[in-house]
PDB file of all heavy atoms in Angstrom:
ATOM      1  N   ARG A   1     148.973  20.595  98.461  1.00  0.00           N
ATOM      2  CA  ARG A   1     148.324  21.856  98.089  1.00  0.00           C
ATOM      3  C   ARG A   1     146.817  21.655  97.999  1.00  0.00           C
ATOM      4  O   ARG A   1     146.338  20.751  97.325  1.00  0.00           O
ATOM      5  CB  ARG A   1     148.876  22.352  96.749  1.00  0.00           C
ATOM      6  CG  ARG A   1     148.257  23.641  96.247  1.00  0.00           C
ATOM      7  CD  ARG A   1     149.044  24.180  95.050  1.00  0.00           C
ATOM      8  NE  ARG A   1     149.130  23.208  93.970  1.00  0.00           N
ATOM      9  CZ  ARG A   1     148.267  23.152  92.953  1.00  0.00           C
ATOM     10  NH1 ARG A   1     147.257  23.995  92.904  1.00  0.00           N
ATOM     11  NH2 ARG A   1     148.425  22.258  92.003  1.00  0.00           N
ATOM     12  N   ARG A   2     146.070  22.507  98.713  1.00  0.00           N
ATOM     13  CA  ARG A   2     144.611  22.446  98.687  1.00  0.00           C
ATOM     14  C   ARG A   2     144.053  23.822  98.352  1.00  0.00           C
ATOM     15  O   ARG A   2     144.554  24.828  98.833  1.00  0.00           O
ATOM     16  CB  ARG A   2     144.064  21.991 100.049  1.00  0.00           C
ATOM     17  CG  ARG A   2     144.387  20.534 100.373  1.00  0.00           C
ATOM     18  CD  ARG A   2     143.707  20.074 101.647  1.00  0.00           C
ATOM     19  NE  ARG A   2     144.351  20.621 102.834  1.00  0.00           N
ATOM     20  CZ  ARG A   2     143.746  21.374 103.723  1.00  0.00           C
ATOM     21  NH1 ARG A   2     142.489  21.746 103.539  1.00  0.00           N
ATOM     22  NH2 ARG A   2     144.393  21.818 104.799  1.00  0.00           N
ATOM     23  N   GLN A   3     143.018  23.847  97.535  1.00  0.00           N
ATOM     24  CA  GLN A   3     142.377  25.103  97.165  1.00  0.00           C
ATOM     25  C   GLN A   3     141.259  25.441  98.152  1.00  0.00           C
ATOM     26  O   GLN A   3     140.456  24.579  98.506  1.00  0.00           O
ATOM     27  CB  GLN A   3     141.801  25.035  95.754  1.00  0.00           C
ATOM     28  CG  GLN A   3     142.853  24.951  94.650  1.00  0.00           C
ATOM     29  CD  GLN A   3     143.808  26.116  94.666  1.00  0.00           C
ATOM     30  OE1 GLN A   3     144.991  25.954  94.967  1.00  0.00           O
ATOM     31  NE2 GLN A   3     143.304  27.308  94.370  1.00  0.00           N
ATOM     32  N   LYS A   4     141.225  26.690  98.567  1.00  0.00           N
ATOM     33  CA  LYS A   4     140.148  27.202  99.409  1.00  0.00           C
ATOM     34  C   LYS A   4     139.326  28.183  98.582  1.00  0.00           C
ATOM     35  O   LYS A   4     139.813  29.227  98.147  1.00  0.00           O
ATOM     36  CB  LYS A   4     140.731  27.892 100.646  1.00  0.00           C
ATOM     37  CG  LYS A   4     139.752  28.788 101.399  1.00  0.00           C
ATOM     38  CD  LYS A   4     138.581  28.010 101.979  1.00  0.00           C
ATOM     39  CE  LYS A   4     137.653  28.975 102.742  1.00  0.00           C
ATOM     40  NZ  LYS A   4     136.450  28.264 103.265  1.00  0.00           N
ATOM     41  N   GLU A   5     138.062  27.838  98.330  1.00  0.00           N
ATOM     42  CA  GLU A   5     137.197  28.721  97.560  1.00  0.00           C
ATOM     43  C   GLU A   5     136.804  29.943  98.372  1.00  0.00           C
ATOM     44  O   GLU A   5     136.557  29.854  99.577  1.00  0.00           O
ATOM     45  CB  GLU A   5     135.944  27.975  97.090  1.00  0.00           C
ATOM     46  CG  GLU A   5     136.211  26.916  96.047  1.00  0.00           C
ATOM     47  CD  GLU A   5     134.928  26.314  95.478  1.00  0.00           C
ATOM     48  OE1 GLU A   5     133.827  26.812  95.869  1.00  0.00           O
ATOM     49  OE2 GLU A   5     135.010  25.393  94.662  1.00  0.00           O
ATOM     50  N   LEU A   6     136.745  31.089  97.696  1.00  0.00           N
ATOM     51  CA  LEU A   6     136.325  32.328  98.323  1.00  0.00           C
ATOM     52  C   LEU A   6     134.877  32.625  97.958  1.00  0.00           C
ATOM     53  O   LEU A   6     134.389  32.231  96.895  1.00  0.00           O
ATOM     54  CB  LEU A   6     137.222  33.477  97.872  1.00  0.00           C
ATOM     55  CG  LEU A   6     138.716  33.331  98.180  1.00  0.00           C
ATOM     56  CD1 LEU A   6     139.490  34.503  97.583  1.00  0.00           C
ATOM     57  CD2 LEU A   6     138.962  33.237  99.678  1.00  0.00           C
ATOM     58  N   ASP A   7     134.193  33.302  98.854  1.00  0.00           N
ATOM     59  CA  ASP A   7     132.801  33.672  98.634  1.00  0.00           C
ATOM     60  C   ASP A   7     132.777  35.026  97.937  1.00  0.00           C
ATOM     61  O   ASP A   7     132.918  36.069  98.583  1.00  0.00           O
ATOM     62  CB  ASP A   7     132.061  33.730  99.976  1.00  0.00           C
ATOM     63  CG  ASP A   7     130.580  34.053  99.811  1.00  0.00           C
ATOM     64  OD1 ASP A   7     130.076  33.951  98.672  1.00  0.00           O
ATOM     65  OD2 ASP A   7     129.933  34.419 100.818  1.00  0.00           O
ATOM     66  N   THR A   8     132.629  35.032  96.633  1.00  0.00           N
ATOM     67  CA  THR A   8     132.650  36.268  95.851  1.00  0.00           C
ATOM     68  C   THR A   8     131.310  36.486  95.158  1.00  0.00           C
ATOM     69  O   THR A   8     130.476  35.578  95.076  1.00  0.00           O
ATOM     70  CB  THR A   8     133.775  36.234  94.809  1.00  0.00           C
ATOM     71  OG1 THR A   8     133.593  35.110  93.949  1.00  0.00           O
ATOM     72  CG2 THR A   8     135.141  36.128  95.489  1.00  0.00           C
ATOM     73  N   ARG A   9     131.114  37.685  94.666  1.00  0.00           N
ATOM     74  CA  ARG A   9     129.834  38.054  94.063  1.00  0.00           C
ATOM     75  C   ARG A   9     129.585  37.280  92.768  1.00  0.00           C
ATOM     76  O   ARG A   9     130.489  37.120  91.939  1.00  0.00           O
ATOM     77  CB  ARG A   9     129.817  39.560  93.785  1.00  0.00           C
ATOM     78  CG  ARG A   9     128.426  40.102  93.472  1.00  0.00           C
ATOM     79  CD  ARG A   9     128.453  41.600  93.231  1.00  0.00           C
ATOM     80  NE  ARG A   9     128.915  42.359  94.390  1.00  0.00           N
ATOM     81  CZ  ARG A   9     128.149  42.700  95.412  1.00  0.00           C
ATOM     82  NH1 ARG A   9     126.870  42.336  95.434  1.00  0.00           N
ATOM     83  NH2 ARG A   9     128.648  43.410  96.413  1.00  0.00           N
ATOM     84  N   ASP A  10     128.344  36.836  92.590  1.00  0.00           N
ATOM     85  CA  ASP A  10     127.968  36.098  91.386  1.00  0.00           C
ATOM     86  C   ASP A  10     127.781  37.038  90.199  1.00  0.00           C
ATOM     87  O   ASP A  10     127.424  38.212  90.351  1.00  0.00           O
ATOM     88  CB  ASP A  10     126.667  35.321  91.616  1.00  0.00           C
ATOM     89  CG  ASP A  10     126.845  34.168  92.583  1.00  0.00           C
ATOM     90  OD1 ASP A  10     127.961  33.628  92.661  1.00  0.00           O
ATOM     91  OD2 ASP A  10     125.870  33.805  93.280  1.00  0.00           O
ATOM     92  N   PHE A  11     127.995  36.477  89.001  1.00  0.00           N
ATOM     93  CA  PHE A  11     127.737  37.172  87.744  1.00  0.00           C
ATOM     94  C   PHE A  11     126.494  36.569  87.082  1.00  0.00           C
ATOM     95  O   PHE A  11     126.200  35.383  87.258  1.00  0.00           O
ATOM     96  CB  PHE A  11     128.915  37.023  86.794  1.00  0.00           C
ATOM     97  CG  PHE A  11     130.052  37.982  87.025  1.00  0.00           C
ATOM     98  CD1 PHE A  11     130.576  38.196  88.292  1.00  0.00           C
ATOM     99  CD2 PHE A  11     130.614  38.666  85.953  1.00  0.00           C
ATOM    100  CE1 PHE A  11     131.634  39.060  88.492  1.00  0.00           C
ATOM    101  CE2 PHE A  11     131.677  39.544  86.150  1.00  0.00           C
ATOM    102  CZ  PHE A  11     132.184  39.739  87.416  1.00  0.00           C
ATOM    103  N   GLU A  12     125.808  37.360  86.311  1.00  0.00           N
ATOM    104  CA  GLU A  12     124.687  36.879  85.508  1.00  0.00           C
ATOM    105  C   GLU A  12     124.772  37.538  84.140  1.00  0.00           C
ATOM    106  O   GLU A  12     124.939  38.761  84.024  1.00  0.00           O
ATOM    107  CB  GLU A  12     123.354  37.242  86.167  1.00  0.00           C
ATOM    108  CG  GLU A  12     122.138  36.626  85.511  1.00  0.00           C
ATOM    109  CD  GLU A  12     121.945  35.151  85.859  1.00  0.00           C
ATOM    110  OE1 GLU A  12     122.553  34.701  86.850  1.00  0.00           O
ATOM    111  OE2 GLU A  12     121.185  34.463  85.153  1.00  0.00           O
ATOM    112  N   THR A  13     124.706  36.735  83.079  1.00  0.00           N
ATOM    113  CA  THR A  13     124.728  37.278  81.716  1.00  0.00           C
ATOM    114  C   THR A  13     123.361  37.093  81.071  1.00  0.00           C
ATOM    115  O   THR A  13     122.739  36.031  81.183  1.00  0.00           O
ATOM    116  CB  THR A  13     125.803  36.588  80.863  1.00  0.00           C
ATOM    117  OG1 THR A  13     125.559  35.169  80.846  1.00  0.00           O
ATOM    118  CG2 THR A  13     127.192  36.839  81.434  1.00  0.00           C
ATOM    119  N   ILE A  14     122.904  38.132  80.395  1.00  0.00           N
ATOM    120  CA  ILE A  14     121.571  38.137  79.779  1.00  0.00           C
ATOM    121  C   ILE A  14     121.704  38.672  78.354  1.00  0.00           C
ATOM    122  O   ILE A  14     122.419  39.654  78.123  1.00  0.00           O
ATOM    123  CB  ILE A  14     120.593  39.029  80.571  1.00  0.00           C
ATOM    124  CG1 ILE A  14     120.464  38.545  82.018  1.00  0.00           C
ATOM    125  CG2 ILE A  14     119.227  39.073  79.901  1.00  0.00           C
ATOM    126  CD1 ILE A  14     119.648  39.485  82.904  1.00  0.00           C
ATOM    127  N   THR A  15     121.029  38.033  77.417  1.00  0.00           N
ATOM    128  CA  THR A  15     120.946  38.547  76.049  1.00  0.00           C
ATOM    129  C   THR A  15     119.488  38.862  75.739  1.00  0.00           C
ATOM    130  O   THR A  15     118.600  38.021  75.942  1.00  0.00           O
ATOM    131  CB  THR A  15     121.478  37.523  75.042  1.00  0.00           C
ATOM    132  OG1 THR A  15     122.849  37.231  75.329  1.00  0.00           O
ATOM    133  CG2 THR A  15     121.368  38.055  73.616  1.00  0.00           C
ATOM    134  N   ILE A  16     119.225  40.069  75.273  1.00  0.00           N
ATOM    135  CA  ILE A  16     117.866  40.480  74.895  1.00  0.00           C
ATOM    136  C   ILE A  16     117.855  40.764  73.400  1.00  0.00           C
ATOM    137  O   ILE A  16     118.627  41.601  72.917  1.00  0.00           O
ATOM    138  CB  ILE A  16     117.415  41.730  75.676  1.00  0.00           C
ATOM    139  CG1 ILE A  16     117.503  41.495  77.177  1.00  0.00           C
ATOM    140  CG2 ILE A  16     115.996  42.117  75.272  1.00  0.00           C
ATOM    141  CD1 ILE A  16     117.159  42.722  78.013  1.00  0.00           C
ATOM    142  N   ASN A  17     117.001  40.063  72.682  1.00  0.00           N
ATOM    143  CA  ASN A  17     116.884  40.226  71.231  1.00  0.00           C
ATOM    144  C   ASN A  17     115.617  41.035  70.945  1.00  0.00           C
ATOM    145  O   ASN A  17     114.501  40.592  71.226  1.00  0.00           O
ATOM    146  CB  ASN A  17     116.813  38.858  70.553  1.00  0.00           C
ATOM    147  CG  ASN A  17     117.016  38.960  69.055  1.00  0.00           C
ATOM    148  OD1 ASN A  17     116.848  40.024  68.461  1.00  0.00           O
ATOM    149  ND2 ASN A  17     117.374  37.850  68.433  1.00  0.00           N
ATOM    150  N   PHE A  18     115.787  42.223  70.405  1.00  0.00           N
ATOM    151  CA  PHE A  18     114.664  43.114  70.127  1.00  0.00           C
ATOM    152  C   PHE A  18     114.272  43.069  68.655  1.00  0.00           C
ATOM    153  O   PHE A  18     115.125  42.964  67.775  1.00  0.00           O
ATOM    154  CB  PHE A  18     115.029  44.567  70.467  1.00  0.00           C
ATOM    155  CG  PHE A  18     114.946  44.911  71.918  1.00  0.00           C
ATOM    156  CD1 PHE A  18     116.102  45.040  72.670  1.00  0.00           C
ATOM    157  CD2 PHE A  18     113.724  45.134  72.533  1.00  0.00           C
ATOM    158  CE1 PHE A  18     116.043  45.378  74.010  1.00  0.00           C
ATOM    159  CE2 PHE A  18     113.654  45.469  73.872  1.00  0.00           C
ATOM    160  CZ  PHE A  18     114.812  45.596  74.616  1.00  0.00           C
ATOM    161  N   THR A  19     112.960  43.152  68.407  1.00  0.00           N
ATOM    162  CA  THR A  19     112.474  43.499  67.076  1.00  0.00           C
ATOM    163  C   THR A  19     112.111  44.977  67.104  1.00  0.00           C
ATOM    164  O   THR A  19     112.086  45.607  68.174  1.00  0.00           O
ATOM    165  CB  THR A  19     111.228  42.679  66.696  1.00  0.00           C
ATOM    166  OG1 THR A  19     110.135  43.056  67.550  1.00  0.00           O
ATOM    167  CG2 THR A  19     111.488  41.179  66.848  1.00  0.00           C
ATOM    168  N   GLU A  20     111.818  45.524  65.963  1.00  0.00           N
ATOM    169  CA  GLU A  20     111.512  46.955  65.875  1.00  0.00           C
ATOM    170  C   GLU A  20     110.282  47.325  66.700  1.00  0.00           C
ATOM    171  O   GLU A  20     110.174  48.432  67.226  1.00  0.00           O
ATOM    172  CB  GLU A  20     111.322  47.345  64.412  1.00  0.00           C
ATOM    173  CG  GLU A  20     111.183  48.836  64.191  1.00  0.00           C
ATOM    174  CD  GLU A  20     111.115  49.189  62.718  1.00  0.00           C
ATOM    175  OE1 GLU A  20     111.448  48.323  61.877  1.00  0.00           O
ATOM    176  OE2 GLU A  20     110.727  50.330  62.407  1.00  0.00           O
ATOM    177  N   ASP A  21     109.346  46.362  66.852  1.00  0.00           N
ATOM    178  CA  ASP A  21     108.082  46.657  67.535  1.00  0.00           C
ATOM    179  C   ASP A  21     108.094  46.300  69.014  1.00  0.00           C
ATOM    180  O   ASP A  21     107.111  46.555  69.716  1.00  0.00           O
ATOM    181  CB  ASP A  21     106.935  45.892  66.854  1.00  0.00           C
ATOM    182  CG  ASP A  21     106.734  46.317  65.409  1.00  0.00           C
ATOM    183  OD1 ASP A  21     106.980  47.520  65.121  1.00  0.00           O
ATOM    184  OD2 ASP A  21     106.368  45.473  64.581  1.00  0.00           O
ATOM    185  N   ASP A  22     109.183  45.687  69.505  1.00  0.00           N
ATOM    186  CA  ASP A  22     109.214  45.292  70.923  1.00  0.00           C
ATOM    187  C   ASP A  22     109.234  46.529  71.822  1.00  0.00           C
ATOM    188  O   ASP A  22     109.856  47.544  71.509  1.00  0.00           O
ATOM    189  CB  ASP A  22     110.450  44.438  71.210  1.00  0.00           C
ATOM    190  CG  ASP A  22     110.276  43.008  70.746  1.00  0.00           C
ATOM    191  OD1 ASP A  22     109.138  42.517  70.789  1.00  0.00           O
ATOM    192  OD2 ASP A  22     111.284  42.394  70.343  1.00  0.00           O
ATOM    193  N   SER A  23     108.574  46.380  72.987  1.00  0.00           N
ATOM    194  CA  SER A  23     108.432  47.503  73.901  1.00  0.00           C
ATOM    195  C   SER A  23     109.227  47.269  75.176  1.00  0.00           C
ATOM    196  O   SER A  23     109.933  46.272  75.337  1.00  0.00           O
ATOM    197  CB  SER A  23     106.948  47.688  74.258  1.00  0.00           C
ATOM    198  OG  SER A  23     106.488  46.536  74.964  1.00  0.00           O
ATOM    199  N   TYR A  24     109.087  48.207  76.095  1.00  0.00           N
ATOM    200  CA  TYR A  24     109.717  48.146  77.413  1.00  0.00           C
ATOM    201  C   TYR A  24     109.365  46.838  78.119  1.00  0.00           C
ATOM    202  O   TYR A  24     110.191  46.228  78.798  1.00  0.00           O
ATOM    203  CB  TYR A  24     109.216  49.346  78.214  1.00  0.00           C
ATOM    204  CG  TYR A  24     109.918  49.617  79.514  1.00  0.00           C
ATOM    205  CD1 TYR A  24     111.049  50.415  79.565  1.00  0.00           C
ATOM    206  CD2 TYR A  24     109.409  49.109  80.705  1.00  0.00           C
ATOM    207  CE1 TYR A  24     111.671  50.703  80.772  1.00  0.00           C
ATOM    208  CE2 TYR A  24     110.030  49.385  81.920  1.00  0.00           C
ATOM    209  CZ  TYR A  24     111.162  50.185  81.936  1.00  0.00           C
ATOM    210  OH  TYR A  24     111.777  50.459  83.137  1.00  0.00           O
ATOM    211  N   GLY A  25     108.121  46.397  77.920  1.00  0.00           N
ATOM    212  CA  GLY A  25     107.670  45.169  78.573  1.00  0.00           C
ATOM    213  C   GLY A  25     108.444  43.940  78.129  1.00  0.00           C
ATOM    214  O   GLY A  25     108.651  43.001  78.915  1.00  0.00           O
ATOM    215  N   HIS A  26     108.889  43.930  76.872  1.00  0.00           N
ATOM    216  CA  HIS A  26     109.694  42.798  76.380  1.00  0.00           C
ATOM    217  C   HIS A  26     111.010  42.711  77.151  1.00  0.00           C
ATOM    218  O   HIS A  26     111.448  41.622  77.532  1.00  0.00           O
ATOM    219  CB  HIS A  26     109.958  42.972  74.889  1.00  0.00           C
ATOM    220  CG  HIS A  26     110.886  41.935  74.319  1.00  0.00           C
ATOM    221  ND1 HIS A  26     110.543  40.598  74.212  1.00  0.00           N
ATOM    222  CD2 HIS A  26     112.167  42.035  73.842  1.00  0.00           C
ATOM    223  CE1 HIS A  26     111.555  39.928  73.680  1.00  0.00           C
ATOM    224  NE2 HIS A  26     112.553  40.777  73.454  1.00  0.00           N
ATOM    225  N   ALA A  27     111.625  43.862  77.401  1.00  0.00           N
ATOM    226  CA  ALA A  27     112.867  43.876  78.179  1.00  0.00           C
ATOM    227  C   ALA A  27     112.623  43.372  79.591  1.00  0.00           C
ATOM    228  O   ALA A  27     113.416  42.589  80.132  1.00  0.00           O
ATOM    229  CB  ALA A  27     113.448  45.285  78.200  1.00  0.00           C
ATOM    230  N   GLU A  28     111.543  43.802  80.192  1.00  0.00           N
ATOM    231  CA  GLU A  28     111.212  43.346  81.547  1.00  0.00           C
ATOM    232  C   GLU A  28     111.018  41.830  81.581  1.00  0.00           C
ATOM    233  O   GLU A  28     111.526  41.147  82.496  1.00  0.00           O
ATOM    234  CB  GLU A  28     109.948  44.041  82.041  1.00  0.00           C
ATOM    235  CG  GLU A  28     110.123  45.515  82.349  1.00  0.00           C
ATOM    236  CD  GLU A  28     108.868  46.114  82.947  1.00  0.00           C
ATOM    237  OE1 GLU A  28     107.789  45.949  82.316  1.00  0.00           O
ATOM    238  OE2 GLU A  28     108.938  46.741  84.019  1.00  0.00           O
ATOM    239  N   ASP A  29     110.302  41.300  80.600  1.00  0.00           N
ATOM    240  CA  ASP A  29     110.046  39.852  80.567  1.00  0.00           C
ATOM    241  C   ASP A  29     111.340  39.064  80.448  1.00  0.00           C
ATOM    242  O   ASP A  29     111.529  38.036  81.121  1.00  0.00           O
ATOM    243  CB  ASP A  29     109.120  39.516  79.395  1.00  0.00           C
ATOM    244  CG  ASP A  29     107.699  40.034  79.593  1.00  0.00           C
ATOM    245  OD1 ASP A  29     107.346  40.343  80.755  1.00  0.00           O
ATOM    246  OD2 ASP A  29     106.961  40.135  78.593  1.00  0.00           O
ATOM    247  N   GLU A  30     112.243  39.519  79.580  1.00  0.00           N
ATOM    248  CA  GLU A  30     113.502  38.808  79.391  1.00  0.00           C
ATOM    249  C   GLU A  30     114.377  38.872  80.643  1.00  0.00           C
ATOM    250  O   GLU A  30     114.990  37.874  81.035  1.00  0.00           O
ATOM    251  CB  GLU A  30     114.257  39.396  78.193  1.00  0.00           C
ATOM    252  CG  GLU A  30     113.608  39.129  76.848  1.00  0.00           C
ATOM    253  CD  GLU A  30     113.492  37.642  76.550  1.00  0.00           C
ATOM    254  OE1 GLU A  30     114.519  36.936  76.651  1.00  0.00           O
ATOM    255  OE2 GLU A  30     112.371  37.182  76.248  1.00  0.00           O
ATOM    256  N   ILE A  31     114.415  40.008  81.273  1.00  0.00           N
ATOM    257  CA  ILE A  31     115.227  40.160  82.492  1.00  0.00           C
ATOM    258  C   ILE A  31     114.646  39.338  83.634  1.00  0.00           C
ATOM    259  O   ILE A  31     115.399  38.741  84.428  1.00  0.00           O
ATOM    260  CB  ILE A  31     115.340  41.655  82.865  1.00  0.00           C
ATOM    261  CG1 ILE A  31     116.205  42.377  81.815  1.00  0.00           C
ATOM    262  CG2 ILE A  31     115.939  41.830  84.269  1.00  0.00           C
ATOM    263  CD1 ILE A  31     116.144  43.882  81.895  1.00  0.00           C
ATOM    264  N   ASP A  32     113.333  39.266  83.719  1.00  0.00           N
ATOM    265  CA  ASP A  32     112.692  38.526  84.807  1.00  0.00           C
ATOM    266  C   ASP A  32     112.872  37.012  84.694  1.00  0.00           C
ATOM    267  O   ASP A  32     112.509  36.278  85.614  1.00  0.00           O
ATOM    268  CB  ASP A  32     111.196  38.872  84.879  1.00  0.00           C
ATOM    269  CG  ASP A  32     110.956  40.272  85.449  1.00  0.00           C
ATOM    270  OD1 ASP A  32     111.872  40.786  86.123  1.00  0.00           O
ATOM    271  OD2 ASP A  32     109.877  40.841  85.203  1.00  0.00           O
ATOM    272  N   ARG A  33     113.418  36.554  83.589  1.00  0.00           N
ATOM    273  CA  ARG A  33     113.758  35.133  83.478  1.00  0.00           C
ATOM    274  C   ARG A  33     115.012  34.795  84.294  1.00  0.00           C
ATOM    275  O   ARG A  33     115.373  33.637  84.435  1.00  0.00           O
ATOM    276  CB  ARG A  33     114.007  34.755  82.013  1.00  0.00           C
ATOM    277  CG  ARG A  33     112.801  34.925  81.090  1.00  0.00           C
ATOM    278  CD  ARG A  33     113.205  34.626  79.646  1.00  0.00           C
ATOM    279  NE  ARG A  33     112.144  34.910  78.719  1.00  0.00           N
ATOM    280  CZ  ARG A  33     111.181  34.064  78.373  1.00  0.00           C
ATOM    281  NH1 ARG A  33     111.193  32.849  78.886  1.00  0.00           N
ATOM    282  NH2 ARG A  33     110.238  34.409  77.506  1.00  0.00           N
ATOM    283  N   HIS A  34     115.680  35.803  84.789  1.00  0.00           N
ATOM    284  CA  HIS A  34     116.941  35.621  85.497  1.00  0.00           C
ATOM    285  C   HIS A  34     116.844  36.189  86.906  1.00  0.00           C
ATOM    286  O   HIS A  34     116.090  37.118  87.161  1.00  0.00           O
ATOM    287  CB  HIS A  34     118.084  36.332  84.751  1.00  0.00           C
ATOM    288  CG  HIS A  34     118.245  35.891  83.337  1.00  0.00           C
ATOM    289  ND1 HIS A  34     119.174  34.953  82.945  1.00  0.00           N
ATOM    290  CD2 HIS A  34     117.586  36.271  82.201  1.00  0.00           C
ATOM    291  CE1 HIS A  34     119.101  34.775  81.640  1.00  0.00           C
ATOM    292  NE2 HIS A  34     118.141  35.556  81.160  1.00  0.00           N
ATOM    293  N   VAL A  35     117.654  35.610  87.797  1.00  0.00           N
ATOM    294  CA  VAL A  35     117.788  36.148  89.149  1.00  0.00           C
ATOM    295  C   VAL A  35     118.984  37.089  89.146  1.00  0.00           C
ATOM    296  O   VAL A  35     120.127  36.665  88.919  1.00  0.00           O
ATOM    297  CB  VAL A  35     117.995  35.031  90.191  1.00  0.00           C
ATOM    298  CG1 VAL A  35     118.195  35.625  91.576  1.00  0.00           C
ATOM    299  CG2 VAL A  35     116.809  34.070  90.186  1.00  0.00           C
ATOM    300  N   VAL A  36     118.732  38.373  89.388  1.00  0.00           N
ATOM    301  CA  VAL A  36     119.804  39.365  89.271  1.00  0.00           C
ATOM    302  C   VAL A  36     120.152  40.021  90.607  1.00  0.00           C
ATOM    303  O   VAL A  36     121.145  40.753  90.680  1.00  0.00           O
ATOM    304  CB  VAL A  36     119.418  40.462  88.257  1.00  0.00           C
ATOM    305  CG1 VAL A  36     119.155  39.846  86.888  1.00  0.00           C
ATOM    306  CG2 VAL A  36     118.214  41.260  88.735  1.00  0.00           C
ATOM    307  N   GLU A  37     119.403  39.771  91.631  1.00  0.00           N
ATOM    308  CA  GLU A  37     119.608  40.463  92.899  1.00  0.00           C
ATOM    309  C   GLU A  37     121.029  40.241  93.438  1.00  0.00           C
ATOM    310  O   GLU A  37     121.513  39.120  93.511  1.00  0.00           O
ATOM    311  CB  GLU A  37     118.591  39.994  93.935  1.00  0.00           C
ATOM    312  CG  GLU A  37     118.624  40.801  95.222  1.00  0.00           C
ATOM    313  CD  GLU A  37     117.516  40.415  96.187  1.00  0.00           C
ATOM    314  OE1 GLU A  37     116.766  39.454  95.880  1.00  0.00           O
ATOM    315  OE2 GLU A  37     117.400  41.055  97.240  1.00  0.00           O
ATOM    316  N   LYS A  38     121.691  41.344  93.775  1.00  0.00           N
ATOM    317  CA  LYS A  38     123.026  41.380  94.363  1.00  0.00           C
ATOM    318  C   LYS A  38     124.124  40.872  93.430  1.00  0.00           C
ATOM    319  O   LYS A  38     125.259  40.662  93.855  1.00  0.00           O
ATOM    320  CB  LYS A  38     123.069  40.596  95.678  1.00  0.00           C
ATOM    321  CG  LYS A  38     122.175  41.169  96.762  1.00  0.00           C
ATOM    322  CD  LYS A  38     122.310  40.383  98.063  1.00  0.00           C
ATOM    323  CE  LYS A  38     121.428  40.991  99.141  1.00  0.00           C
ATOM    324  NZ  LYS A  38     121.519  40.248 100.419  1.00  0.00           N
ATOM    325  N   LYS A  39     123.821  40.673  92.159  1.00  0.00           N
ATOM    326  CA  LYS A  39     124.795  40.137  91.215  1.00  0.00           C
ATOM    327  C   LYS A  39     125.392  41.232  90.328  1.00  0.00           C
ATOM    328  O   LYS A  39     124.862  42.338  90.238  1.00  0.00           O
ATOM    329  CB  LYS A  39     124.147  39.074  90.320  1.00  0.00           C
ATOM    330  CG  LYS A  39     123.691  37.815  91.050  1.00  0.00           C
ATOM    331  CD  LYS A  39     123.109  36.816  90.064  1.00  0.00           C
ATOM    332  CE  LYS A  39     122.662  35.538  90.755  1.00  0.00           C
ATOM    333  NZ  LYS A  39     122.094  34.550  89.797  1.00  0.00           N
ATOM    334  N   VAL A  40     126.501  40.882  89.679  1.00  0.00           N
ATOM    335  CA  VAL A  40     127.029  41.674  88.575  1.00  0.00           C
ATOM    336  C   VAL A  40     126.301  41.178  87.327  1.00  0.00           C
ATOM    337  O   VAL A  40     126.423  40.008  86.953  1.00  0.00           O
ATOM    338  CB  VAL A  40     128.545  41.497  88.418  1.00  0.00           C
ATOM    339  CG1 VAL A  40     129.041  42.263  87.184  1.00  0.00           C
ATOM    340  CG2 VAL A  40     129.273  41.962  89.665  1.00  0.00           C
TER     341      VAL A  40
END
């Protein structure tokens, strides 16, 4: 028995920790730390 890997879509998990004063830019910075193109 041999396993054949399939080419399936990658997943990416991201956690964003907000303070009360954080802005839209904070979300952008946290997301830009990750490669998300074509991923779930």
